[in-house]
N, C-alpha and C. Protein backbone atom coordinates (compact mmCIF):
# COMPACT_ATOMS: atom_id res chain seq x y z
N MET A 1 160.43 111.78 234.49
CA MET A 1 159.30 111.33 234.19
C MET A 1 159.27 112.42 232.86
N LYS A 2 159.94 113.04 232.31
CA LYS A 2 159.83 114.02 231.17
C LYS A 2 159.76 112.82 230.09
N LYS A 3 160.82 111.82 230.01
CA LYS A 3 160.81 110.70 229.60
C LYS A 3 159.48 110.12 228.80
N ARG A 4 158.89 109.65 230.05
CA ARG A 4 157.56 108.91 230.23
C ARG A 4 156.56 109.59 229.59
N ASN A 5 156.74 111.15 229.69
CA ASN A 5 155.43 111.80 229.23
C ASN A 5 155.56 112.28 227.39
N LYS A 6 156.63 112.04 227.27
CA LYS A 6 156.98 112.19 225.95
C LYS A 6 156.84 110.72 225.15
N LYS A 7 156.14 109.95 225.76
CA LYS A 7 156.49 108.44 224.75
C LYS A 7 155.08 108.47 224.96
N LEU A 8 154.20 108.69 225.87
CA LEU A 8 152.85 109.10 226.34
C LEU A 8 152.28 109.84 225.19
N THR A 9 152.83 110.75 225.14
CA THR A 9 152.47 111.85 223.77
C THR A 9 152.70 111.00 222.69
N VAL A 10 154.24 110.64 222.25
CA VAL A 10 153.73 109.83 220.70
C VAL A 10 152.67 109.01 221.16
N ALA A 11 152.39 107.96 221.75
CA ALA A 11 151.31 107.03 221.89
C ALA A 11 150.10 107.47 221.67
N LEU A 12 149.65 108.51 222.09
CA LEU A 12 148.28 108.81 221.66
C LEU A 12 148.47 109.50 220.36
N LEU A 13 149.27 110.16 220.12
CA LEU A 13 149.17 111.21 218.50
C LEU A 13 149.26 109.80 217.60
N ALA A 14 150.20 108.75 218.00
CA ALA A 14 149.78 107.86 216.86
C ALA A 14 148.25 107.03 216.32
N LEU A 15 147.72 107.11 218.14
CA LEU A 15 146.61 106.12 218.42
C LEU A 15 145.33 107.24 217.56
N LEU A 16 145.31 108.25 217.93
CA LEU A 16 144.76 109.50 217.09
C LEU A 16 144.74 109.43 215.33
N GLY A 17 146.17 109.34 214.83
CA GLY A 17 146.24 109.02 213.70
C GLY A 17 145.58 108.05 213.39
N LEU A 18 145.75 106.33 213.63
CA LEU A 18 145.25 105.45 213.47
C LEU A 18 143.45 105.62 213.20
N VAL A 19 142.90 106.18 214.36
CA VAL A 19 141.34 106.34 214.60
C VAL A 19 141.00 107.45 213.42
N SER A 20 141.64 108.02 213.05
CA SER A 20 141.37 109.08 212.23
C SER A 20 141.40 108.81 210.74
N ALA A 21 142.57 108.05 210.73
CA ALA A 21 142.65 106.80 209.35
C ALA A 21 141.36 105.48 209.03
N GLY A 22 141.09 105.32 210.07
CA GLY A 22 140.15 104.13 210.37
C GLY A 22 138.78 104.99 209.48
N GLY A 23 138.75 106.06 210.64
CA GLY A 23 137.59 106.80 210.48
C GLY A 23 137.20 107.30 209.06
N THR A 24 138.24 107.72 208.44
CA THR A 24 138.29 107.96 207.12
C THR A 24 137.66 106.96 206.49
N PHE A 25 138.47 105.74 206.52
CA PHE A 25 138.69 104.70 205.26
C PHE A 25 137.19 104.24 205.20
N ALA A 26 136.65 104.22 206.81
CA ALA A 26 135.00 103.58 206.96
C ALA A 26 134.43 104.72 206.18
N TYR A 27 134.40 106.00 206.12
CA TYR A 27 133.51 106.61 205.24
C TYR A 27 133.79 106.39 204.04
N TRP A 28 135.26 106.47 203.44
CA TRP A 28 135.44 106.48 202.06
C TRP A 28 134.28 105.19 201.27
N GLN A 29 134.82 103.99 202.41
CA GLN A 29 134.06 102.62 201.95
C GLN A 29 132.43 102.96 201.71
N GLY A 30 131.88 103.47 202.74
CA GLY A 30 130.17 103.29 202.92
C GLY A 30 129.96 104.85 201.90
N GLN A 31 130.51 105.60 201.72
CA GLN A 31 130.02 107.18 200.94
C GLN A 31 130.09 106.85 199.38
N VAL A 32 131.65 106.86 199.49
CA VAL A 32 132.52 107.15 198.10
C VAL A 32 132.48 106.00 197.11
N LEU A 33 132.74 104.69 197.45
CA LEU A 33 132.78 103.16 196.37
C LEU A 33 131.01 102.94 197.04
N ALA A 34 130.28 103.63 196.96
CA ALA A 34 128.68 103.10 197.01
C ALA A 34 128.49 101.79 196.15
N PRO A 35 127.64 101.24 196.49
CA PRO A 35 127.31 99.70 195.39
C PRO A 35 127.01 100.79 194.15
N ALA A 36 127.34 99.92 192.79
CA ALA A 36 126.83 100.74 192.12
C ALA A 36 124.98 100.28 191.68
N ASP A 37 125.09 99.50 191.94
CA ASP A 37 123.48 98.98 191.53
C ASP A 37 122.16 99.53 192.73
N VAL A 38 123.16 100.68 193.27
CA VAL A 38 121.86 101.45 194.01
C VAL A 38 121.53 102.69 192.84
N SER A 39 120.11 102.46 193.08
CA SER A 39 119.54 103.50 192.23
C SER A 39 118.60 104.33 192.74
N GLU A 40 118.06 105.49 192.43
CA GLU A 40 117.36 106.28 193.05
C GLU A 40 116.43 106.96 191.74
N THR A 41 115.28 107.03 192.03
CA THR A 41 114.21 107.52 190.99
C THR A 41 113.24 109.30 191.56
N VAL A 42 114.12 110.17 191.06
CA VAL A 42 113.53 111.52 191.06
C VAL A 42 112.13 112.02 190.03
N SER A 43 111.18 112.32 191.11
CA SER A 43 109.76 112.89 190.01
C SER A 43 110.01 113.95 190.37
N ILE A 44 110.17 115.08 189.34
CA ILE A 44 109.47 116.97 189.26
C ILE A 44 108.34 117.45 188.71
N ASN A 45 107.60 117.56 189.03
CA ASN A 45 106.68 118.28 188.45
C ASN A 45 106.55 119.78 188.23
N ILE A 46 106.55 119.91 186.89
CA ILE A 46 106.36 121.88 186.31
C ILE A 46 105.10 121.71 185.92
N GLY A 47 103.92 122.29 187.14
CA GLY A 47 102.65 122.63 186.41
C GLY A 47 102.07 121.28 186.05
N THR A 48 100.77 121.85 185.73
CA THR A 48 100.10 120.57 185.16
C THR A 48 98.79 120.94 184.16
N ALA A 49 98.70 119.95 183.20
CA ALA A 49 98.00 120.50 181.97
C ALA A 49 96.49 119.90 181.77
N LYS A 50 95.90 120.61 181.32
CA LYS A 50 94.45 120.22 181.40
C LYS A 50 94.20 118.98 180.31
N ASP A 51 92.95 118.18 180.43
CA ASP A 51 92.77 117.06 179.64
C ASP A 51 92.84 117.16 178.03
N VAL A 52 93.19 116.10 177.43
CA VAL A 52 93.11 116.23 176.14
C VAL A 52 92.38 114.85 175.68
N THR A 53 91.68 115.09 174.52
CA THR A 53 90.56 113.96 174.03
C THR A 53 90.87 113.80 172.77
N THR A 54 91.67 112.95 172.23
CA THR A 54 92.08 112.38 171.20
C THR A 54 90.94 112.02 170.19
N VAL A 55 90.32 112.28 169.20
CA VAL A 55 89.51 111.51 168.45
C VAL A 55 90.10 111.04 166.95
N LEU A 56 89.82 109.94 166.55
CA LEU A 56 90.19 109.37 165.48
C LEU A 56 89.13 108.50 164.86
N ASN A 57 88.72 109.03 163.75
CA ASN A 57 87.27 108.54 163.21
C ASN A 57 88.20 107.81 161.78
N VAL A 58 87.67 106.78 161.46
CA VAL A 58 88.04 105.66 160.34
C VAL A 58 86.94 105.20 159.66
N THR A 59 86.81 105.76 158.51
CA THR A 59 85.66 105.76 157.51
C THR A 59 86.44 104.79 156.35
N GLU A 60 85.12 104.07 155.54
CA GLU A 60 85.62 103.41 154.60
C GLU A 60 84.90 103.40 153.38
N THR A 61 84.56 105.20 153.65
CA THR A 61 84.12 105.72 152.03
C THR A 61 85.36 106.26 151.30
N LEU A 62 86.80 105.84 151.61
CA LEU A 62 87.30 106.68 150.72
C LEU A 62 87.83 105.44 149.51
N ALA A 63 87.92 106.43 148.69
CA ALA A 63 88.16 106.06 146.97
C ALA A 63 89.65 104.92 147.42
N ALA A 64 89.66 103.70 146.41
CA ALA A 64 90.95 103.33 146.32
C ALA A 64 92.00 103.56 145.87
N GLU A 65 91.91 104.86 145.58
CA GLU A 65 93.56 105.28 144.91
C GLU A 65 94.10 106.34 146.56
N ALA A 66 93.08 106.67 147.46
CA ALA A 66 93.68 107.44 148.69
C ALA A 66 93.95 106.85 149.57
N LYS A 67 93.92 105.14 149.33
CA LYS A 67 94.54 104.04 150.37
C LYS A 67 95.82 103.92 150.15
N LYS A 68 96.71 104.68 149.15
CA LYS A 68 97.41 104.30 148.80
C LYS A 68 98.78 104.77 150.50
N LEU A 69 99.88 104.21 150.59
CA LEU A 69 100.59 104.25 151.36
C LEU A 69 101.62 105.39 150.97
N VAL A 70 101.34 105.88 149.77
CA VAL A 70 102.44 106.85 149.10
C VAL A 70 101.85 108.06 148.77
N PRO A 71 103.05 109.10 149.17
CA PRO A 71 102.25 111.02 149.27
C PRO A 71 101.97 110.97 147.85
N ALA A 72 100.95 111.83 147.84
CA ALA A 72 100.36 112.57 146.53
C ALA A 72 101.63 113.42 145.85
N GLY A 73 101.79 112.44 144.59
CA GLY A 73 102.63 113.28 143.60
C GLY A 73 104.09 112.53 143.76
N GLN A 74 104.03 111.64 144.28
CA GLN A 74 105.33 110.60 144.86
C GLN A 74 105.29 109.43 144.25
N VAL A 75 103.90 109.25 143.19
CA VAL A 75 103.97 107.87 142.44
C VAL A 75 105.09 107.42 142.07
N ASN A 76 105.52 108.15 141.51
CA ASN A 76 106.81 107.83 139.82
C ASN A 76 107.85 107.46 140.83
N ASN A 77 108.50 107.85 141.92
CA ASN A 77 109.61 108.20 143.07
C ASN A 77 109.38 106.84 143.89
N SER A 78 108.31 105.67 144.01
CA SER A 78 107.97 105.10 144.55
C SER A 78 108.43 103.51 143.91
N VAL A 79 108.92 102.27 144.73
CA VAL A 79 109.42 101.06 144.20
C VAL A 79 107.69 100.52 144.12
N GLY A 80 107.92 99.44 142.80
CA GLY A 80 106.68 98.73 143.29
C GLY A 80 105.93 99.24 142.22
């Protein structure tokens, strides 16, 4: 009878090892090797700001010299 208990114990340990390895492999496939195309978006708000109003006034009364795209004093360094 001892020989049968020994074989049963070895068989149960082998089965436990296979179940454990299968569970580990399933976890590894599902969690560790997750698909690369999965993305998550996380938004964090840190405080709030007041409303800001931006006003841009454009007038046509500027002199022709003031409309140049070259900074003052850099005309000699510009090309053209």
